[in-house]
């Protein structure tokens, strides 16, 4: 049981670190939302699975409800953020705009 707990926690932390790296390294809101919604959801679900392994009994049912809530709300929130950015006219990052003169920002010189 201790090996499963440590393994689940290590995987959860690993995926969360990937999400943080994606948040800081990726150039625009669209790719950042993709990195964080996928990796962070999986990292949090693995951490909740570790909690379910650590605490037996009625706590496992509570953790399962939390995992279901997270599985539904995290991708939905990422979709809402990306849709809002699209509705506001935020252009996606492209190599053409990033290489254009006078565009120092990763958003590609959005006016």
PDB file of N, CA and C in Angstrom:
ATOM      1  N   UNK A   1       0.830  -1.193   0.000  1.00  0.00           N
ATOM      2  CA  UNK A   1       0.000   0.000   0.000  1.00  0.00           C
ATOM      3  C   UNK A   1       0.869   1.249   0.000  1.00  0.00           C
ATOM      4  N   UNK A   2       1.959   1.237   0.715  1.00  0.00           N
ATOM      5  CA  UNK A   2       2.823   2.420   0.776  1.00  0.00           C
ATOM      6  C   UNK A   2       3.478   2.686  -0.570  1.00  0.00           C
ATOM      7  N   UNK A   3       3.790   1.624  -1.314  1.00  0.00           N
ATOM      8  CA  UNK A   3       4.403   1.798  -2.627  1.00  0.00           C
ATOM      9  C   UNK A   3       3.415   2.430  -3.605  1.00  0.00           C
ATOM     10  N   UNK A   4       2.158   1.992  -3.545  1.00  0.00           N
ATOM     11  CA  UNK A   4       1.128   2.571  -4.414  1.00  0.00           C
ATOM     12  C   UNK A   4       0.895   4.033  -4.062  1.00  0.00           C
ATOM     13  N   UNK A   5       0.902   4.331  -2.785  1.00  0.00           N
ATOM     14  CA  UNK A   5       0.697   5.708  -2.333  1.00  0.00           C
ATOM     15  C   UNK A   5       1.813   6.617  -2.834  1.00  0.00           C
ATOM     16  N   UNK A   6       3.036   6.198  -2.663  1.00  0.00           N
ATOM     17  CA  UNK A   6       4.183   7.006  -3.113  1.00  0.00           C
ATOM     18  C   UNK A   6       4.188   7.131  -4.638  1.00  0.00           C
ATOM     19  N   UNK A   7       3.853   6.050  -5.329  1.00  0.00           N
ATOM     20  CA  UNK A   7       3.814   6.090  -6.790  1.00  0.00           C
ATOM     21  C   UNK A   7       2.755   7.041  -7.314  1.00  0.00           C
ATOM     22  N   UNK A   8       1.559   6.997  -6.728  1.00  0.00           N
ATOM     23  CA  UNK A   8       0.498   7.897  -7.158  1.00  0.00           C
ATOM     24  C   UNK A   8       0.850   9.356  -6.861  1.00  0.00           C
ATOM     25  N   UNK A   9       1.427   9.590  -5.686  1.00  0.00           N
ATOM     26  CA  UNK A   9       1.828  10.957  -5.356  1.00  0.00           C
ATOM     27  C   UNK A   9       2.928  11.464  -6.277  1.00  0.00           C
ATOM     28  N   UNK A  10       3.890  10.611  -6.578  1.00  0.00           N
ATOM     29  CA  UNK A  10       4.981  11.023  -7.471  1.00  0.00           C
ATOM     30  C   UNK A  10       4.455  11.332  -8.869  1.00  0.00           C
ATOM     31  N   UNK A  11       3.565  10.507  -9.372  1.00  0.00           N
ATOM     32  CA  UNK A  11       2.974  10.778 -10.683  1.00  0.00           C
ATOM     33  C   UNK A  11       2.140  12.066 -10.663  1.00  0.00           C
ATOM     34  N   UNK A  12       1.379  12.257  -9.592  1.00  0.00           N
ATOM     35  CA  UNK A  12       0.580  13.478  -9.471  1.00  0.00           C
ATOM     36  C   UNK A  12       1.439  14.729  -9.459  1.00  0.00           C
ATOM     37  N   UNK A  13       2.512  14.687  -8.693  1.00  0.00           N
ATOM     38  CA  UNK A  13       3.434  15.830  -8.655  1.00  0.00           C
ATOM     39  C   UNK A  13       4.110  16.019 -10.007  1.00  0.00           C
ATOM     40  N   UNK A  14       4.463  14.934 -10.662  1.00  0.00           N
ATOM     41  CA  UNK A  14       5.103  15.020 -11.974  1.00  0.00           C
ATOM     42  C   UNK A  14       4.217  15.696 -13.003  1.00  0.00           C
ATOM     43  N   UNK A  15       2.954  15.299 -13.068  1.00  0.00           N
ATOM     44  CA  UNK A  15       2.045  15.929 -14.020  1.00  0.00           C
ATOM     45  C   UNK A  15       1.752  17.375 -13.656  1.00  0.00           C
ATOM     46  N   UNK A  16       1.716  17.685 -12.375  1.00  0.00           N
ATOM     47  CA  UNK A  16       1.511  19.066 -11.961  1.00  0.00           C
ATOM     48  C   UNK A  16       2.709  19.930 -12.343  1.00  0.00           C
ATOM     49  N   UNK A  17       3.908  19.402 -12.222  1.00  0.00           N
ATOM     50  CA  UNK A  17       5.105  20.135 -12.642  1.00  0.00           C
ATOM     51  C   UNK A  17       5.083  20.378 -14.147  1.00  0.00           C
ATOM     52  N   UNK A  18       4.640  19.389 -14.911  1.00  0.00           N
ATOM     53  CA  UNK A  18       4.516  19.573 -16.362  1.00  0.00           C
ATOM     54  C   UNK A  18       3.538  20.705 -16.671  1.00  0.00           C
ATOM     55  N   UNK A  19       2.446  20.782 -15.935  1.00  0.00           N
ATOM     56  CA  UNK A  19       1.474  21.855 -16.140  1.00  0.00           C
ATOM     57  C   UNK A  19       2.073  23.219 -15.821  1.00  0.00           C
ATOM     58  N   UNK A  20       2.850  23.294 -14.755  1.00  0.00           N
ATOM     59  CA  UNK A  20       3.478  24.568 -14.384  1.00  0.00           C
ATOM     60  C   UNK A  20       4.505  24.991 -15.429  1.00  0.00           C
ATOM     61  N   UNK A  21       5.287  24.046 -15.912  1.00  0.00           N
ATOM     62  CA  UNK A  21       6.267  24.358 -16.958  1.00  0.00           C
ATOM     63  C   UNK A  21       5.544  24.831 -18.222  1.00  0.00           C
ATOM     64  N   UNK A  22       4.468  24.164 -18.588  1.00  0.00           N
ATOM     65  CA  UNK A  22       3.685  24.584 -19.751  1.00  0.00           C
ATOM     66  C   UNK A  22       3.097  25.962 -19.575  1.00  0.00           C
ATOM     67  N   UNK A  23       2.678  26.282 -18.368  1.00  0.00           N
ATOM     68  CA  UNK A  23       2.108  27.599 -18.107  1.00  0.00           C
ATOM     69  C   UNK A  23       3.136  28.703 -18.304  1.00  0.00           C
ATOM     70  N   UNK A  24       4.367  28.454 -17.917  1.00  0.00           N
ATOM     71  CA  UNK A  24       5.401  29.482 -18.032  1.00  0.00           C
ATOM     72  C   UNK A  24       6.088  29.496 -19.393  1.00  0.00           C
ATOM     73  N   UNK A  25       6.146  28.366 -20.076  1.00  0.00           N
ATOM     74  CA  UNK A  25       6.940  28.289 -21.302  1.00  0.00           C
ATOM     75  C   UNK A  25       6.143  28.472 -22.594  1.00  0.00           C
ATOM     76  N   UNK A  26       4.864  28.206 -22.581  1.00  0.00           N
ATOM     77  CA  UNK A  26       4.097  28.267 -23.820  1.00  0.00           C
ATOM     78  C   UNK A  26       3.698  29.708 -24.138  1.00  0.00           C
ATOM     79  N   UNK A  27       3.547  30.039 -25.430  1.00  0.00           N
ATOM     80  CA  UNK A  27       3.479  31.437 -25.834  1.00  0.00           C
ATOM     81  C   UNK A  27       2.125  32.129 -25.720  1.00  0.00           C
ATOM     82  N   UNK A  28       1.015  31.417 -25.795  1.00  0.00           N
ATOM     83  CA  UNK A  28      -0.269  32.124 -25.806  1.00  0.00           C
ATOM     84  C   UNK A  28      -1.287  31.432 -24.909  1.00  0.00           C
ATOM     85  N   UNK A  29      -2.423  32.097 -24.751  1.00  0.00           N
ATOM     86  CA  UNK A  29      -3.439  31.602 -23.827  1.00  0.00           C
ATOM     87  C   UNK A  29      -4.008  30.258 -24.276  1.00  0.00           C
ATOM     88  N   UNK A  30      -4.056  30.021 -25.567  1.00  0.00           N
ATOM     89  CA  UNK A  30      -4.640  28.783 -26.070  1.00  0.00           C
ATOM     90  C   UNK A  30      -3.769  27.569 -25.731  1.00  0.00           C
ATOM     91  N   UNK A  31      -2.502  27.670 -25.987  1.00  0.00           N
ATOM     92  CA  UNK A  31      -1.624  26.542 -25.673  1.00  0.00           C
ATOM     93  C   UNK A  31      -1.412  26.402 -24.169  1.00  0.00           C
ATOM     94  N   UNK A  32      -1.410  27.502 -23.445  1.00  0.00           N
ATOM     95  CA  UNK A  32      -1.294  27.417 -21.982  1.00  0.00           C
ATOM     96  C   UNK A  32      -2.502  26.734 -21.376  1.00  0.00           C
ATOM     97  N   UNK A  33      -3.686  27.062 -21.873  1.00  0.00           N
ATOM     98  CA  UNK A  33      -4.903  26.426 -21.359  1.00  0.00           C
ATOM     99  C   UNK A  33      -4.899  24.938 -21.652  1.00  0.00           C
ATOM    100  N   UNK A  34      -4.398  24.558 -22.812  1.00  0.00           N
ATOM    101  CA  UNK A  34      -4.324  23.138 -23.147  1.00  0.00           C
ATOM    102  C   UNK A  34      -3.380  22.405 -22.193  1.00  0.00           C
ATOM    103  N   UNK A  35      -2.214  22.980 -21.966  1.00  0.00           N
ATOM    104  CA  UNK A  35      -1.229  22.330 -21.096  1.00  0.00           C
ATOM    105  C   UNK A  35      -1.737  22.218 -19.663  1.00  0.00           C
ATOM    106  N   UNK A  36      -2.331  23.282 -19.177  1.00  0.00           N
ATOM    107  CA  UNK A  36      -2.762  23.236 -17.781  1.00  0.00           C
ATOM    108  C   UNK A  36      -4.006  22.390 -17.589  1.00  0.00           C
ATOM    109  N   UNK A  37      -4.940  22.431 -18.520  1.00  0.00           N
ATOM    110  CA  UNK A  37      -6.164  21.656 -18.300  1.00  0.00           C
ATOM    111  C   UNK A  37      -5.898  20.154 -18.359  1.00  0.00           C
ATOM    112  N   UNK A  38      -5.048  19.731 -19.260  1.00  0.00           N
ATOM    113  CA  UNK A  38      -4.784  18.299 -19.377  1.00  0.00           C
ATOM    114  C   UNK A  38      -3.895  17.801 -18.237  1.00  0.00           C
ATOM    115  N   UNK A  39      -2.744  18.422 -18.076  1.00  0.00           N
ATOM    116  CA  UNK A  39      -1.770  17.923 -17.099  1.00  0.00           C
ATOM    117  C   UNK A  39      -2.215  18.146 -15.666  1.00  0.00           C
ATOM    118  N   UNK A  40      -2.765  19.301 -15.393  1.00  0.00           N
ATOM    119  CA  UNK A  40      -3.158  19.588 -14.015  1.00  0.00           C
ATOM    120  C   UNK A  40      -4.331  18.711 -13.577  1.00  0.00           C
ATOM    121  N   UNK A  41      -5.264  18.457 -14.473  1.00  0.00           N
ATOM    122  CA  UNK A  41      -6.385  17.581 -14.131  1.00  0.00           C
ATOM    123  C   UNK A  41      -5.885  16.181 -13.805  1.00  0.00           C
ATOM    124  N   UNK A  42      -4.995  15.662 -14.628  1.00  0.00           N
ATOM    125  CA  UNK A  42      -4.460  14.325 -14.371  1.00  0.00           C
ATOM    126  C   UNK A  42      -3.627  14.310 -13.090  1.00  0.00           C
ATOM    127  N   UNK A  43      -2.831  15.345 -12.860  1.00  0.00           N
ATOM    128  CA  UNK A  43      -2.034  15.410 -11.638  1.00  0.00           C
ATOM    129  C   UNK A  43      -2.897  15.455 -10.386  1.00  0.00           C
ATOM    130  N   UNK A  44      -3.941  16.251 -10.435  1.00  0.00           N
ATOM    131  CA  UNK A  44      -4.833  16.340  -9.279  1.00  0.00           C
ATOM    132  C   UNK A  44      -5.605  15.038  -9.069  1.00  0.00           C
ATOM    133  N   UNK A  45      -6.015  14.399 -10.160  1.00  0.00           N
ATOM    134  CA  UNK A  45      -6.719  13.125 -10.019  1.00  0.00           C
ATOM    135  C   UNK A  45      -5.813  12.051  -9.422  1.00  0.00           C
ATOM    136  N   UNK A  46      -4.552  12.050  -9.817  1.00  0.00           N
ATOM    137  CA  UNK A  46      -3.616  11.085  -9.234  1.00  0.00           C
ATOM    138  C   UNK A  46      -3.365  11.382  -7.757  1.00  0.00           C
ATOM    139  N   UNK A  47      -3.294  12.647  -7.392  1.00  0.00           N
ATOM    140  CA  UNK A  47      -3.127  13.000  -5.980  1.00  0.00           C
ATOM    141  C   UNK A  47      -4.366  12.596  -5.173  1.00  0.00           C
ATOM    142  N   UNK A  48      -5.551  12.779  -5.755  1.00  0.00           N
ATOM    143  CA  UNK A  48      -6.762  12.341  -5.072  1.00  0.00           C
ATOM    144  C   UNK A  48      -6.822  10.818  -4.968  1.00  0.00           C
ATOM    145  N   UNK A  49      -6.312  10.123  -5.969  1.00  0.00           N
ATOM    146  CA  UNK A  49      -6.246   8.663  -5.881  1.00  0.00           C
ATOM    147  C   UNK A  49      -5.306   8.239  -4.755  1.00  0.00           C
ATOM    148  N   UNK A  50      -4.214   8.967  -4.583  1.00  0.00           N
ATOM    149  CA  UNK A  50      -3.310   8.685  -3.457  1.00  0.00           C
ATOM    150  C   UNK A  50      -4.016   8.913  -2.127  1.00  0.00           C
ATOM    151  N   UNK A  51      -4.832   9.956  -2.052  1.00  0.00           N
ATOM    152  CA  UNK A  51      -5.591  10.202  -0.819  1.00  0.00           C
ATOM    153  C   UNK A  51      -6.595   9.081  -0.568  1.00  0.00           C
ATOM    154  N   UNK A  52      -7.201   8.574  -1.630  1.00  0.00           N
ATOM    155  CA  UNK A  52      -8.151   7.470  -1.470  1.00  0.00           C
ATOM    156  C   UNK A  52      -7.450   6.205  -0.986  1.00  0.00           C
ATOM    157  N   UNK A  53      -6.219   5.983  -1.442  1.00  0.00           N
ATOM    158  CA  UNK A  53      -5.450   4.821  -0.987  1.00  0.00           C
ATOM    159  C   UNK A  53      -5.041   5.006   0.478  1.00  0.00           C
ATOM    160  N   UNK A  54      -4.678   6.227   0.842  1.00  0.00           N
ATOM    161  CA  UNK A  54      -4.202   6.483   2.203  1.00  0.00           C
ATOM    162  C   UNK A  54      -5.316   6.401   3.238  1.00  0.00           C
ATOM    163  N   UNK A  55      -6.505   6.886   2.886  1.00  0.00           N
ATOM    164  CA  UNK A  55      -7.617   6.926   3.841  1.00  0.00           C
ATOM    165  C   UNK A  55      -8.700   5.965   3.378  1.00  0.00           C
ATOM    166  N   UNK A  56      -8.827   4.864   4.077  1.00  0.00           N
ATOM    167  CA  UNK A  56      -9.847   3.878   3.727  1.00  0.00           C
ATOM    168  C   UNK A  56     -11.179   4.263   4.349  1.00  0.00           C
ATOM    169  N   UNK A  57     -12.227   3.606   3.894  1.00  0.00           N
ATOM    170  CA  UNK A  57     -13.538   3.790   4.490  1.00  0.00           C
ATOM    171  C   UNK A  57     -14.348   4.864   3.811  1.00  0.00           C
ATOM    172  N   UNK A  58     -15.129   5.623   4.607  1.00  0.00           N
ATOM    173  CA  UNK A  58     -16.038   6.621   4.017  1.00  0.00           C
ATOM    174  C   UNK A  58     -15.296   7.794   3.356  1.00  0.00           C
ATOM    175  N   UNK A  59     -14.061   7.981   3.715  1.00  0.00           N
ATOM    176  CA  UNK A  59     -13.281   9.059   3.092  1.00  0.00           C
ATOM    177  C   UNK A  59     -13.061   8.782   1.613  1.00  0.00           C
ATOM    178  N   UNK A  60     -12.975   7.531   1.233  1.00  0.00           N
ATOM    179  CA  UNK A  60     -12.777   7.176  -0.168  1.00  0.00           C
ATOM    180  C   UNK A  60     -13.952   7.637  -1.018  1.00  0.00           C
ATOM    181  N   UNK A  61     -15.158   7.542  -0.502  1.00  0.00           N
ATOM    182  CA  UNK A  61     -16.331   8.014  -1.246  1.00  0.00           C
ATOM    183  C   UNK A  61     -16.280   9.532  -1.422  1.00  0.00           C
ATOM    184  N   UNK A  62     -15.842  10.240  -0.408  1.00  0.00           N
ATOM    185  CA  UNK A  62     -15.717  11.695  -0.511  1.00  0.00           C
ATOM    186  C   UNK A  62     -14.659  12.077  -1.532  1.00  0.00           C
ATOM    187  N   UNK A  63     -13.562  11.350  -1.550  1.00  0.00           N
ATOM    188  CA  UNK A  63     -12.500  11.610  -2.522  1.00  0.00           C
ATOM    189  C   UNK A  63     -12.999  11.314  -3.926  1.00  0.00           C
ATOM    190  N   UNK A  64     -13.812  10.290  -4.088  1.00  0.00           N
ATOM    191  CA  UNK A  64     -14.373   9.968  -5.408  1.00  0.00           C
ATOM    192  C   UNK A  64     -15.290  11.084  -5.898  1.00  0.00           C
ATOM    193  N   UNK A  65     -16.059  11.668  -5.001  1.00  0.00           N
ATOM    194  CA  UNK A  65     -16.924  12.796  -5.377  1.00  0.00           C
ATOM    195  C   UNK A  65     -16.069  14.000  -5.769  1.00  0.00           C
ATOM    196  N   UNK A  66     -15.009  14.252  -5.027  1.00  0.00           N
ATOM    197  CA  UNK A  66     -14.096  15.345  -5.377  1.00  0.00           C
ATOM    198  C   UNK A  66     -13.444  15.105  -6.738  1.00  0.00           C
ATOM    199  N   UNK A  67     -13.054  13.875  -7.008  1.00  0.00           N
ATOM    200  CA  UNK A  67     -12.431  13.548  -8.296  1.00  0.00           C
ATOM    201  C   UNK A  67     -13.416  13.753  -9.436  1.00  0.00           C
ATOM    202  N   UNK A  68     -14.652  13.355  -9.252  1.00  0.00           N
ATOM    203  CA  UNK A  68     -15.668  13.562 -10.287  1.00  0.00           C
ATOM    204  C   UNK A  68     -15.911  15.047 -10.525  1.00  0.00           C
ATOM    205  N   UNK A  69     -15.988  15.815  -9.443  1.00  0.00           N
ATOM    206  CA  UNK A  69     -16.160  17.262  -9.558  1.00  0.00           C
ATOM    207  C   UNK A  69     -14.995  17.889 -10.316  1.00  0.00           C
ATOM    208  N   UNK A  70     -13.792  17.480  -9.995  1.00  0.00           N
ATOM    209  CA  UNK A  70     -12.596  18.003 -10.669  1.00  0.00           C
ATOM    210  C   UNK A  70     -12.571  17.602 -12.139  1.00  0.00           C
ATOM    211  N   UNK A  71     -12.964  16.383 -12.426  1.00  0.00           N
ATOM    212  CA  UNK A  71     -12.971  15.890 -13.800  1.00  0.00           C
ATOM    213  C   UNK A  71     -13.964  16.656 -14.671  1.00  0.00           C
ATOM    214  N   UNK A  72     -15.032  17.147 -14.083  1.00  0.00           N
ATOM    215  CA  UNK A  72     -16.026  17.900 -14.841  1.00  0.00           C
ATOM    216  C   UNK A  72     -15.656  19.384 -14.929  1.00  0.00           C
ATOM    217  N   UNK A  73     -15.221  19.979 -13.834  1.00  0.00           N
ATOM    218  CA  UNK A  73     -15.052  21.430 -13.802  1.00  0.00           C
ATOM    219  C   UNK A  73     -13.747  21.932 -14.407  1.00  0.00           C
ATOM    220  N   UNK A  74     -12.680  21.187 -14.303  1.00  0.00           N
ATOM    221  CA  UNK A  74     -11.400  21.686 -14.801  1.00  0.00           C
ATOM    222  C   UNK A  74     -11.384  21.862 -16.318  1.00  0.00           C
ATOM    223  N   UNK A  75     -11.762  20.870 -17.109  1.00  0.00           N
ATOM    224  CA  UNK A  75     -11.806  21.096 -18.557  1.00  0.00           C
ATOM    225  C   UNK A  75     -12.857  22.134 -18.964  1.00  0.00           C
ATOM    226  N   UNK A  76     -13.968  22.188 -18.220  1.00  0.00           N
ATOM    227  CA  UNK A  76     -14.999  23.175 -18.527  1.00  0.00           C
ATOM    228  C   UNK A  76     -14.483  24.587 -18.295  1.00  0.00           C
ATOM    229  N   UNK A  77     -13.749  24.796 -17.226  1.00  0.00           N
ATOM    230  CA  UNK A  77     -13.180  26.117 -16.948  1.00  0.00           C
ATOM    231  C   UNK A  77     -12.142  26.496 -18.001  1.00  0.00           C
ATOM    232  N   UNK A  78     -11.320  25.560 -18.411  1.00  0.00           N
ATOM    233  CA  UNK A  78     -10.334  25.842 -19.455  1.00  0.00           C
ATOM    234  C   UNK A  78     -11.027  26.204 -20.759  1.00  0.00           C
ATOM    235  N   UNK A  79     -12.093  25.508 -21.089  1.00  0.00           N
ATOM    236  CA  UNK A  79     -12.845  25.820 -22.298  1.00  0.00           C
ATOM    237  C   UNK A  79     -13.447  27.220 -22.220  1.00  0.00           C
ATOM    238  N   UNK A  80     -13.984  27.583 -21.058  1.00  0.00           N
ATOM    239  CA  UNK A  80     -14.573  28.916 -20.893  1.00  0.00           C
ATOM    240  C   UNK A  80     -13.517  30.015 -21.032  1.00  0.00           C
ATOM    241  N   UNK A  81     -12.330  29.777 -20.509  1.00  0.00           N
ATOM    242  CA  UNK A  81     -11.251  30.769 -20.617  1.00  0.00           C
ATOM    243  C   UNK A  81     -10.821  30.935 -22.067  1.00  0.00           C
ATOM    244  N   UNK A  82     -10.659  29.828 -22.776  1.00  0.00           N
ATOM    245  CA  UNK A  82     -10.243  29.897 -24.176  1.00  0.00           C
ATOM    246  C   UNK A  82     -11.326  30.526 -25.030  1.00  0.00           C
ATOM    247  N   UNK A  83     -12.557  30.193 -24.774  1.00  0.00           N
ATOM    248  CA  UNK A  83     -13.649  30.797 -25.547  1.00  0.00           C
ATOM    249  C   UNK A  83     -13.737  32.293 -25.290  1.00  0.00           C
ATOM    250  N   UNK A  84     -13.527  32.707 -24.063  1.00  0.00           N
ATOM    251  CA  UNK A  84     -13.529  34.128 -23.738  1.00  0.00           C
ATOM    252  C   UNK A  84     -12.391  34.851 -24.444  1.00  0.00           C
ATOM    253  N   UNK A  85     -11.217  34.239 -24.475  1.00  0.00           N
ATOM    254  CA  UNK A  85     -10.091  34.849 -25.187  1.00  0.00           C
ATOM    255  C   UNK A  85     -10.389  34.956 -26.673  1.00  0.00           C
ATOM    256  N   UNK A  86     -11.001  33.933 -27.238  1.00  0.00           N
ATOM    257  CA  UNK A  86     -11.360  33.969 -28.659  1.00  0.00           C
ATOM    258  C   UNK A  86     -12.408  35.051 -28.935  1.00  0.00           C
ATOM    259  N   UNK A  87     -13.401  35.153 -28.065  1.00  0.00           N
ATOM    260  CA  UNK A  87     -14.437  36.166 -28.237  1.00  0.00           C
ATOM    261  C   UNK A  87     -13.883  37.586 -28.105  1.00  0.00           C
ATOM    262  N   UNK A  88     -12.831  37.748 -27.317  1.00  0.00           N
ATOM    263  CA  UNK A  88     -12.199  39.061 -27.160  1.00  0.00           C
ATOM    264  C   UNK A  88     -11.260  39.388 -28.315  1.00  0.00           C
ATOM    265  N   UNK A  89     -11.021  38.445 -29.208  1.00  0.00           N
ATOM    266  CA  UNK A  89     -10.178  38.688 -30.372  1.00  0.00           C
ATOM    267  C   UNK A  89      -8.700  38.438 -30.142  1.00  0.00           C
ATOM    268  N   UNK A  90      -8.358  37.661 -29.126  1.00  0.00           N
ATOM    269  CA  UNK A  90      -6.952  37.346 -28.873  1.00  0.00           C
ATOM    270  C   UNK A  90      -6.479  36.376 -29.953  1.00  0.00           C
ATOM    271  N   UNK A  91      -5.491  36.770 -30.749  1.00  0.00           N
ATOM    272  CA  UNK A  91      -5.052  35.876 -31.829  1.00  0.00           C
ATOM    273  C   UNK A  91      -4.153  34.772 -31.290  1.00  0.00           C
ATOM    274  N   UNK A  92      -4.226  33.603 -31.907  1.00  0.00           N
ATOM    275  CA  UNK A  92      -3.290  32.555 -31.501  1.00  0.00           C
ATOM    276  C   UNK A  92      -1.876  32.888 -31.956  1.00  0.00           C
ATOM    277  N   UNK A  93      -0.913  32.379 -31.226  1.00  0.00           N
ATOM    278  CA  UNK A  93       0.483  32.601 -31.573  1.00  0.00           C
ATOM    279  C   UNK A  93       0.804  31.824 -32.832  1.00  0.00           C
ATOM    280  N   UNK A  94       1.481  32.487 -33.756  1.00  0.00           N
ATOM    281  CA  UNK A  94       1.990  31.808 -34.940  1.00  0.00           C
ATOM    282  C   UNK A  94       3.430  32.215 -35.157  1.00  0.00           C
ATOM    283  N   UNK A  95       4.162  31.385 -35.846  1.00  0.00           N
ATOM    284  CA  UNK A  95       5.568  31.674 -36.100  1.00  0.00           C
ATOM    285  C   UNK A  95       5.714  32.923 -36.975  1.00  0.00           C
ATOM    286  N   UNK A  96       4.778  33.160 -37.887  1.00  0.00           N
ATOM    287  CA  UNK A  96       4.848  34.324 -38.770  1.00  0.00           C
ATOM    288  C   UNK A  96       4.810  35.629 -37.979  1.00  0.00           C
ATOM    289  N   UNK A  97       3.876  35.735 -37.046  1.00  0.00           N
ATOM    290  CA  UNK A  97       3.776  36.975 -36.268  1.00  0.00           C
ATOM    291  C   UNK A  97       4.905  37.092 -35.262  1.00  0.00           C
ATOM    292  N   UNK A  98       5.413  35.976 -34.764  1.00  0.00           N
ATOM    293  CA  UNK A  98       6.486  36.033 -33.768  1.00  0.00           C
ATOM    294  C   UNK A  98       7.792  36.505 -34.403  1.00  0.00           C
ATOM    295  N   UNK A  99       8.003  36.185 -35.692  1.00  0.00           N
ATOM    296  CA  UNK A  99       9.228  36.586 -36.366  1.00  0.00           C
ATOM    297  C   UNK A  99       9.136  37.956 -37.019  1.00  0.00           C
ATOM    298  N   UNK A 100       7.957  38.547 -37.012  1.00  0.00           N
ATOM    299  CA  UNK A 100       7.794  39.852 -37.663  1.00  0.00           C
ATOM    300  C   UNK A 100       8.530  40.924 -36.873  1.00  0.00           C
ATOM    301  N   UNK A 101       9.091  41.919 -37.575  1.00  0.00           N
ATOM    302  CA  UNK A 101       9.802  42.983 -36.861  1.00  0.00           C
ATOM    303  C   UNK A 101       8.850  43.801 -36.001  1.00  0.00           C
ATOM    304  N   UNK A 102       9.340  44.172 -34.847  1.00  0.00           N
ATOM    305  CA  UNK A 102       8.562  45.012 -33.939  1.00  0.00           C
ATOM    306  C   UNK A 102       7.605  44.255 -33.049  1.00  0.00           C
ATOM    307  N   UNK A 103       7.663  42.942 -33.047  1.00  0.00           N
ATOM    308  CA  UNK A 103       6.801  42.161 -32.158  1.00  0.00           C
ATOM    309  C   UNK A 103       7.660  41.428 -31.146  1.00  0.00           C
ATOM    310  N   UNK A 104       7.801  42.020 -29.996  1.00  0.00           N
ATOM    311  CA  UNK A 104       8.617  41.424 -28.942  1.00  0.00           C
ATOM    312  C   UNK A 104       7.790  40.541 -27.999  1.00  0.00           C
ATOM    313  N   UNK A 105       6.486  40.723 -27.999  1.00  0.00           N
ATOM    314  CA  UNK A 105       5.682  39.966 -27.067  1.00  0.00           C
ATOM    315  C   UNK A 105       5.293  38.629 -27.680  1.00  0.00           C
ATOM    316  N   UNK A 106       5.065  37.596 -26.837  1.00  0.00           N
ATOM    317  CA  UNK A 106       4.724  36.280 -27.357  1.00  0.00           C
ATOM    318  C   UNK A 106       3.326  36.231 -27.956  1.00  0.00           C
ATOM    319  N   UNK A 107       2.504  37.252 -27.748  1.00  0.00           N
ATOM    320  CA  UNK A 107       1.169  37.266 -28.331  1.00  0.00           C
ATOM    321  C   UNK A 107       1.182  37.646 -29.797  1.00  0.00           C
ATOM    322  N   UNK A 108       2.315  38.005 -30.331  1.00  0.00           N
ATOM    323  CA  UNK A 108       2.431  38.286 -31.744  1.00  0.00           C
ATOM    324  C   UNK A 108       2.090  39.709 -32.138  1.00  0.00           C
ATOM    325  N   UNK A 109       2.211  40.653 -31.235  1.00  0.00           N
ATOM    326  CA  UNK A 109       1.988  42.042 -31.591  1.00  0.00           C
ATOM    327  C   UNK A 109       0.528  42.421 -31.703  1.00  0.00           C
ATOM    328  N   UNK A 110      -0.297  41.869 -30.849  1.00  0.00           N
ATOM    329  CA  UNK A 110      -1.719  42.185 -30.866  1.00  0.00           C
ATOM    330  C   UNK A 110      -1.912  43.650 -30.536  1.00  0.00           C
ATOM    331  N   UNK A 111      -2.697  44.365 -31.333  1.00  0.00           N
ATOM    332  CA  UNK A 111      -2.909  45.806 -31.073  1.00  0.00           C
ATOM    333  C   UNK A 111      -3.679  46.075 -29.820  1.00  0.00           C
TER     334      UNK A 111
END
